[in-house]
Amino acid sequence: MNYVVAVDVGGTEIKSALVDSDLNVITTASAPTPKADTTGAETVKAIAAIVSQFSTQHPVDAVGLAVPGALDEPAGTSRWSGNLQWKNLPIRNLLEDAIKIPVAFGHDVRTAAVAELRSGAAQGARNAIFIPVGTGIAAALIIDGEIRSAEGFAGEIGHVNVNGKYPCVCGKSGCLEAASSTLAISKAYGSQSGKTGTTTEEIFKLVVSGDLIATNVWNDATAAMARACESLITILAPEVIVFGGGLSNAGETFLKPIRDYLDSSLTFQRKPRLEIAHFGSKAGTIGCAMLAFDRMKAGK
């Protein structure tokens, strides 16, 4: 049995898991994402510590590393990540130099889409879109059965203008990410209710209970997502749109308003199925593990 470590670096947290060659998650660990770590040194240190911790349980043969932003995946470089404050950072090489084992490198969203395309909610689809909603928002575009990246620039739908109210990390205003991400929803609820630090899970429960402020915030967020989906559907004609990330845990409470909007707004376009990720919040973990095993088998 071989083992790899899957590492997903998010804007607020580094999530990781020890995974065996049958894709069973043996154990998990997390650490806060270092703030303003422009050189990547603190992030590499945190990941190295996690890998070392897992190595006490089983020998680790490779690491699958997923990060957000615009990437040069073949070169292992983060061209730009607003949430991590990285620019032209050779993060894969930095990590390989630190841990001395192979590192497979990919975009966090496209990596999660690997799991959903191979074994999850997008399996069998030739054309699909995978949208995990977390601290940031991006999409994996599956076209003619392949995940397309356009040299790492494709899929940054979080920065599509949906006429939102709030400024975005990219420097503009009106972006989808600033309207519909988990961070945006928490901020909007805090500004309207005066209760800062409320999580999206708590806001979801308030929506279910009928809280007016939470419901208004939720409706704004899902409406913005629906407008973005309308554009994606018109341009790309997916058979299915798969939602993942933390917000997907809300299930139909999240999907229904988007579906209702699309049912009323789409005319000639192909209407896709809307699905929750089969692997849920673990899609990134499983995708990272798959890429790590691919790298190990390729002997690179």
Protein backbone atom coordinates (compact mmCIF):
# COMPACT_ATOMS: atom_id res chain seq x y z
CA MET A 1 0.00 0.00 0.00
CA ASN A 2 1.27 3.46 -0.93
CA TYR A 3 0.39 6.72 0.80
CA VAL A 4 0.27 10.35 -0.28
CA VAL A 5 -0.56 13.60 1.45
CA ALA A 6 -3.23 15.80 -0.09
CA VAL A 7 -2.79 19.51 0.72
CA ASP A 8 -5.34 22.19 -0.13
CA VAL A 9 -4.15 25.72 0.66
CA GLY A 10 -7.13 28.03 1.13
CA GLY A 11 -7.39 31.68 1.98
CA THR A 12 -7.96 30.95 5.67
CA GLU A 13 -6.91 27.34 6.25
CA ILE A 14 -4.52 24.66 4.99
CA LYS A 15 -6.47 21.41 4.84
CA SER A 16 -4.59 18.15 4.49
CA ALA A 17 -5.12 14.41 4.59
CA LEU A 18 -3.14 11.20 4.52
CA VAL A 19 -4.64 9.06 1.75
CA ASP A 20 -3.91 5.46 0.75
CA SER A 21 -3.79 4.06 -2.79
CA ASP A 22 -7.43 2.95 -2.52
CA LEU A 23 -8.28 6.64 -1.92
CA ASN A 24 -9.25 6.03 1.68
CA VAL A 25 -8.66 9.05 3.91
CA ILE A 26 -6.61 7.71 6.84
CA THR A 27 -6.43 10.89 8.87
CA THR A 28 -6.72 14.64 8.42
CA ALA A 29 -5.06 17.75 9.76
CA SER A 30 -5.39 21.48 9.30
CA ALA A 31 -3.47 24.63 10.10
CA PRO A 32 -4.17 28.35 9.67
CA THR A 33 -2.93 29.76 6.37
CA PRO A 34 -0.09 32.20 7.16
CA LYS A 35 -1.11 35.78 6.52
CA ALA A 36 0.73 38.06 4.09
CA ASP A 37 3.23 35.27 3.36
CA THR A 38 4.44 36.81 0.09
CA THR A 39 7.56 34.61 -0.11
CA GLY A 40 5.68 31.39 0.65
CA ALA A 41 8.25 30.48 3.30
CA GLU A 42 5.78 30.21 6.20
CA THR A 43 3.30 28.25 4.09
CA VAL A 44 6.00 25.77 3.06
CA LYS A 45 7.04 25.43 6.69
CA ALA A 46 3.46 24.70 7.75
CA ILE A 47 2.99 22.08 5.00
CA ALA A 48 6.34 20.45 5.77
CA ALA A 49 5.31 20.11 9.40
CA ILE A 50 2.04 18.44 8.36
CA VAL A 51 3.85 15.99 6.05
CA SER A 52 6.33 15.19 8.81
CA GLN A 53 3.47 14.54 11.20
CA PHE A 54 1.77 12.15 8.77
CA SER A 55 5.08 10.40 8.04
CA THR A 56 5.12 9.07 11.58
CA GLN A 57 2.08 6.94 10.66
CA HIS A 58 3.04 5.78 7.15
CA PRO A 59 5.83 6.53 4.65
CA VAL A 60 4.67 9.34 2.36
CA ASP A 61 5.50 8.76 -1.32
CA ALA A 62 4.24 12.05 -2.81
CA VAL A 63 2.25 15.19 -2.06
CA GLY A 64 -0.63 16.64 -4.02
CA LEU A 65 -0.68 20.42 -3.59
CA ALA A 66 -3.64 22.58 -4.64
CA VAL A 67 -3.71 26.37 -4.40
CA PRO A 68 -6.08 29.13 -5.62
CA GLY A 69 -5.43 31.85 -8.15
CA ALA A 70 -3.94 32.08 -11.64
CA LEU A 71 -1.32 29.35 -12.00
CA ASP A 72 1.32 28.09 -14.39
CA GLU A 73 0.71 24.46 -13.48
CA PRO A 74 3.48 22.84 -15.58
CA ALA A 75 6.03 25.22 -14.06
CA GLY A 76 4.61 24.85 -10.54
CA THR A 77 4.18 28.60 -10.19
CA SER A 78 1.44 30.74 -8.66
CA ARG A 79 1.18 33.67 -11.06
CA TRP A 80 -1.27 35.54 -8.83
CA SER A 81 -3.41 34.73 -5.82
CA GLY A 82 -5.24 37.63 -4.24
CA ASN A 83 -6.25 35.76 -1.08
CA LEU A 84 -2.70 34.45 -0.49
CA GLN A 85 -0.90 37.60 -1.70
CA TRP A 86 1.33 35.53 -4.00
CA LYS A 87 2.75 36.75 -7.27
CA ASN A 88 4.99 34.65 -9.55
CA LEU A 89 5.83 32.33 -6.66
CA PRO A 90 7.47 28.96 -7.54
CA ILE A 91 5.59 27.23 -4.74
CA ARG A 92 5.94 23.64 -6.00
CA ASN A 93 9.74 23.83 -6.21
CA LEU A 94 9.92 25.53 -2.82
CA LEU A 95 7.93 22.70 -1.25
CA GLU A 96 9.83 19.93 -3.05
CA ASP A 97 13.12 21.43 -1.88
CA ALA A 98 11.82 21.43 1.68
CA ILE A 99 10.31 17.92 1.88
CA LYS A 100 12.46 16.02 -0.68
CA ILE A 101 9.59 14.03 -2.20
CA PRO A 102 7.63 14.58 -5.44
CA VAL A 103 4.90 17.22 -5.40
CA ALA A 104 1.99 17.25 -7.86
CA PHE A 105 0.70 20.78 -8.32
CA GLY A 106 -2.68 22.06 -9.42
CA HIS A 107 -5.34 24.70 -9.11
CA ASP A 108 -7.58 24.00 -6.13
CA VAL A 109 -10.77 24.06 -8.18
CA ARG A 110 -9.48 22.05 -11.14
CA THR A 111 -7.97 19.54 -8.75
CA ALA A 112 -11.31 19.01 -7.02
CA ALA A 113 -12.91 18.71 -10.45
CA VAL A 114 -10.59 15.79 -11.22
CA ALA A 115 -12.31 13.83 -8.45
CA GLU A 116 -15.81 14.81 -9.56
CA LEU A 117 -15.06 14.06 -13.24
CA ARG A 118 -13.39 10.70 -12.62
CA SER A 119 -15.65 9.35 -9.88
CA GLY A 120 -18.20 11.95 -8.82
CA ALA A 121 -21.17 14.09 -9.87
CA ALA A 122 -19.65 15.02 -13.27
CA GLN A 123 -18.72 11.45 -14.17
CA GLY A 124 -19.88 10.62 -17.68
CA ALA A 125 -20.48 14.26 -18.66
CA ARG A 126 -18.67 15.61 -21.69
CA ASN A 127 -19.38 19.23 -20.79
CA ALA A 128 -19.68 20.36 -17.19
CA ILE A 129 -18.74 23.13 -14.79
CA PHE A 130 -17.53 22.60 -11.24
CA ILE A 131 -17.94 25.54 -8.85
CA PRO A 132 -16.78 25.20 -5.25
CA VAL A 133 -17.89 28.10 -3.09
CA GLY A 134 -15.49 28.94 -0.28
CA THR A 135 -13.42 31.96 0.74
CA GLY A 136 -12.96 32.53 -2.99
CA ILE A 137 -14.87 31.42 -6.08
CA ALA A 138 -13.56 29.96 -9.32
CA ALA A 139 -14.72 27.29 -11.73
CA ALA A 140 -13.31 24.24 -13.46
CA LEU A 141 -14.44 24.11 -17.07
CA ILE A 142 -14.91 20.62 -18.46
CA ILE A 143 -15.22 20.84 -22.25
CA ASP A 144 -15.41 17.79 -24.51
CA GLY A 145 -14.46 15.57 -21.59
CA GLU A 146 -11.31 17.49 -20.61
CA ILE A 147 -10.63 20.03 -17.86
CA ARG A 148 -9.48 23.12 -19.72
CA SER A 149 -7.22 25.69 -18.11
CA ALA A 150 -5.92 28.02 -20.88
CA GLU A 151 -2.41 28.01 -19.39
CA GLY A 152 -3.91 28.46 -15.92
CA PHE A 153 -5.97 31.58 -16.60
CA ALA A 154 -9.37 30.02 -17.29
CA GLY A 155 -12.23 29.72 -14.83
CA GLU A 156 -11.75 32.81 -12.66
CA ILE A 157 -15.50 33.41 -12.54
CA GLY A 158 -15.21 34.97 -9.09
CA HIS A 159 -14.19 38.13 -10.90
CA VAL A 160 -17.14 38.27 -13.29
CA ASN A 161 -19.19 41.42 -12.69
CA VAL A 162 -22.60 40.46 -11.29
CA ASN A 163 -23.48 44.00 -10.20
CA GLY A 164 -22.65 43.25 -6.59
CA LYS A 165 -22.39 45.92 -3.92
CA TYR A 166 -18.99 45.21 -2.38
CA PRO A 167 -15.31 45.72 -3.28
CA CYS A 168 -13.34 42.62 -4.26
CA VAL A 169 -9.83 41.44 -3.40
CA CYS A 170 -8.93 41.91 -7.09
CA GLY A 171 -9.32 45.68 -6.71
CA LYS A 172 -12.66 46.05 -8.49
CA SER A 173 -16.24 46.14 -7.24
CA GLY A 174 -19.27 44.11 -8.24
CA CYS A 175 -17.49 40.74 -8.55
CA LEU A 176 -19.19 37.40 -7.91
CA GLU A 177 -16.62 36.50 -5.25
CA ALA A 178 -17.44 39.67 -3.31
CA ALA A 179 -21.15 38.79 -3.46
CA SER A 180 -21.44 35.00 -3.09
CA SER A 181 -18.36 33.58 -1.38
CA THR A 182 -18.61 32.30 2.19
CA LEU A 183 -16.50 35.25 3.32
CA ALA A 184 -18.73 37.70 1.45
CA ILE A 185 -21.90 36.23 2.95
CA SER A 186 -20.47 36.46 6.47
CA LYS A 187 -19.36 40.05 5.90
CA ALA A 188 -22.73 41.07 4.43
CA TYR A 189 -24.62 39.52 7.33
CA GLY A 190 -22.28 41.22 9.81
CA SER A 191 -22.73 44.63 8.19
CA GLN A 192 -26.53 44.32 8.14
CA SER A 193 -27.05 42.68 11.53
CA GLY A 194 -24.17 44.15 13.52
CA LYS A 195 -23.14 40.59 14.48
CA THR A 196 -19.64 40.11 13.10
CA GLY A 197 -17.94 36.74 12.84
CA THR A 198 -21.11 34.77 12.05
CA THR A 199 -20.23 31.74 9.90
CA THR A 200 -22.11 30.78 6.75
CA GLU A 201 -23.18 27.57 8.50
CA GLU A 202 -24.81 29.67 11.22
CA ILE A 203 -26.34 31.97 8.61
CA PHE A 204 -27.75 28.95 6.76
CA LYS A 205 -29.45 27.80 9.96
CA LEU A 206 -30.88 31.30 10.42
CA VAL A 207 -32.22 31.18 6.86
CA VAL A 208 -33.94 27.86 7.56
CA SER A 209 -35.46 29.31 10.73
CA GLY A 210 -36.83 32.31 8.78
CA ASP A 211 -34.50 35.07 9.97
CA LEU A 212 -35.18 38.08 7.73
CA ILE A 213 -31.67 39.56 7.58
CA ALA A 214 -30.06 36.17 6.93
CA THR A 215 -32.63 35.42 4.24
CA ASN A 216 -32.00 38.74 2.47
CA VAL A 217 -28.24 38.16 2.51
CA TRP A 218 -28.72 34.58 1.26
CA ASN A 219 -31.03 35.71 -1.52
CA ASP A 220 -28.54 38.34 -2.69
CA ALA A 221 -25.74 35.76 -2.75
CA THR A 222 -27.69 33.10 -4.63
CA ALA A 223 -29.06 35.66 -7.10
CA ALA A 224 -25.52 36.78 -7.93
CA MET A 225 -24.47 33.14 -8.40
CA ALA A 226 -27.49 32.54 -10.64
CA ARG A 227 -26.56 35.50 -12.86
CA ALA A 228 -23.03 34.15 -13.21
CA CYS A 229 -24.38 30.69 -14.06
CA GLU A 230 -26.67 32.17 -16.71
CA SER A 231 -23.65 33.62 -18.50
CA LEU A 232 -21.67 30.39 -18.19
CA ILE A 233 -24.59 28.34 -19.53
CA THR A 234 -25.08 30.66 -22.50
CA ILE A 235 -21.38 30.50 -23.43
CA LEU A 236 -20.43 26.91 -22.54
CA ALA A 237 -23.68 24.88 -22.59
CA PRO A 238 -22.81 22.47 -19.75
CA GLU A 239 -24.86 19.34 -19.16
CA VAL A 240 -24.36 19.70 -15.41
CA ILE A 241 -23.10 22.33 -12.97
CA VAL A 242 -21.64 20.80 -9.82
CA PHE A 243 -21.35 22.92 -6.68
CA GLY A 244 -18.84 22.11 -3.97
CA GLY A 245 -17.09 23.86 -1.11
CA GLY A 246 -18.52 24.80 2.25
CA LEU A 247 -21.67 26.42 0.90
CA SER A 248 -22.72 23.23 -0.89
CA ASN A 249 -23.53 21.75 2.52
CA ALA A 250 -26.71 23.84 2.37
CA GLY A 251 -27.99 21.51 -0.39
CA GLU A 252 -31.36 22.50 -1.83
CA THR A 253 -31.47 25.70 0.22
CA PHE A 254 -28.58 26.82 -1.97
CA LEU A 255 -29.59 25.13 -5.24
CA LYS A 256 -33.31 25.94 -5.36
CA PRO A 257 -33.12 29.74 -5.76
CA ILE A 258 -30.45 29.31 -8.45
CA ARG A 259 -32.55 26.70 -10.25
CA ASP A 260 -35.67 28.86 -10.01
CA TYR A 261 -33.83 31.85 -11.47
CA LEU A 262 -32.44 29.80 -14.35
CA ASP A 263 -35.81 28.20 -15.07
CA SER A 264 -37.31 31.65 -15.51
CA SER A 265 -34.40 33.30 -17.35
CA LEU A 266 -33.10 30.69 -19.80
CA THR A 267 -34.88 30.46 -23.13
CA PHE A 268 -33.07 28.66 -25.97
CA GLN A 269 -30.10 27.54 -23.87
CA ARG A 270 -29.54 23.97 -22.72
CA LYS A 271 -30.68 23.78 -19.10
CA PRO A 272 -28.10 21.89 -17.07
CA ARG A 273 -28.69 19.76 -14.02
CA LEU A 274 -27.57 21.41 -10.80
CA GLU A 275 -25.83 18.98 -8.46
CA ILE A 276 -23.96 18.98 -5.17
CA ALA A 277 -20.45 17.51 -5.38
CA HIS A 278 -20.42 13.76 -4.77
CA PHE A 279 -17.32 14.11 -2.61
CA GLY A 280 -18.66 17.22 -0.89
CA SER A 281 -15.98 19.21 0.88
CA LYS A 282 -13.58 16.28 0.34
CA ALA A 283 -13.47 16.72 -3.45
CA GLY A 284 -10.26 18.73 -3.24
CA THR A 285 -8.67 16.14 -0.98
CA ILE A 286 -9.52 13.23 -3.26
CA GLY A 287 -8.46 15.17 -6.36
CA CYS A 288 -5.12 16.10 -4.76
CA ALA A 289 -4.54 12.46 -3.86
CA MET A 290 -5.36 11.35 -7.41
CA LEU A 291 -2.83 13.82 -8.84
CA ALA A 292 -0.20 12.74 -6.30
CA PHE A 293 -0.64 9.07 -7.27
CA ASP A 294 -0.49 10.06 -10.95
CA ARG A 295 2.81 11.85 -10.29
CA MET A 296 4.17 8.90 -8.33
CA LYS A 297 3.23 6.39 -11.05
CA ALA A 298 4.76 8.59 -13.74
CA GLY A 299 8.03 8.55 -11.81
CA LYS A 300 8.41 12.30 -12.10
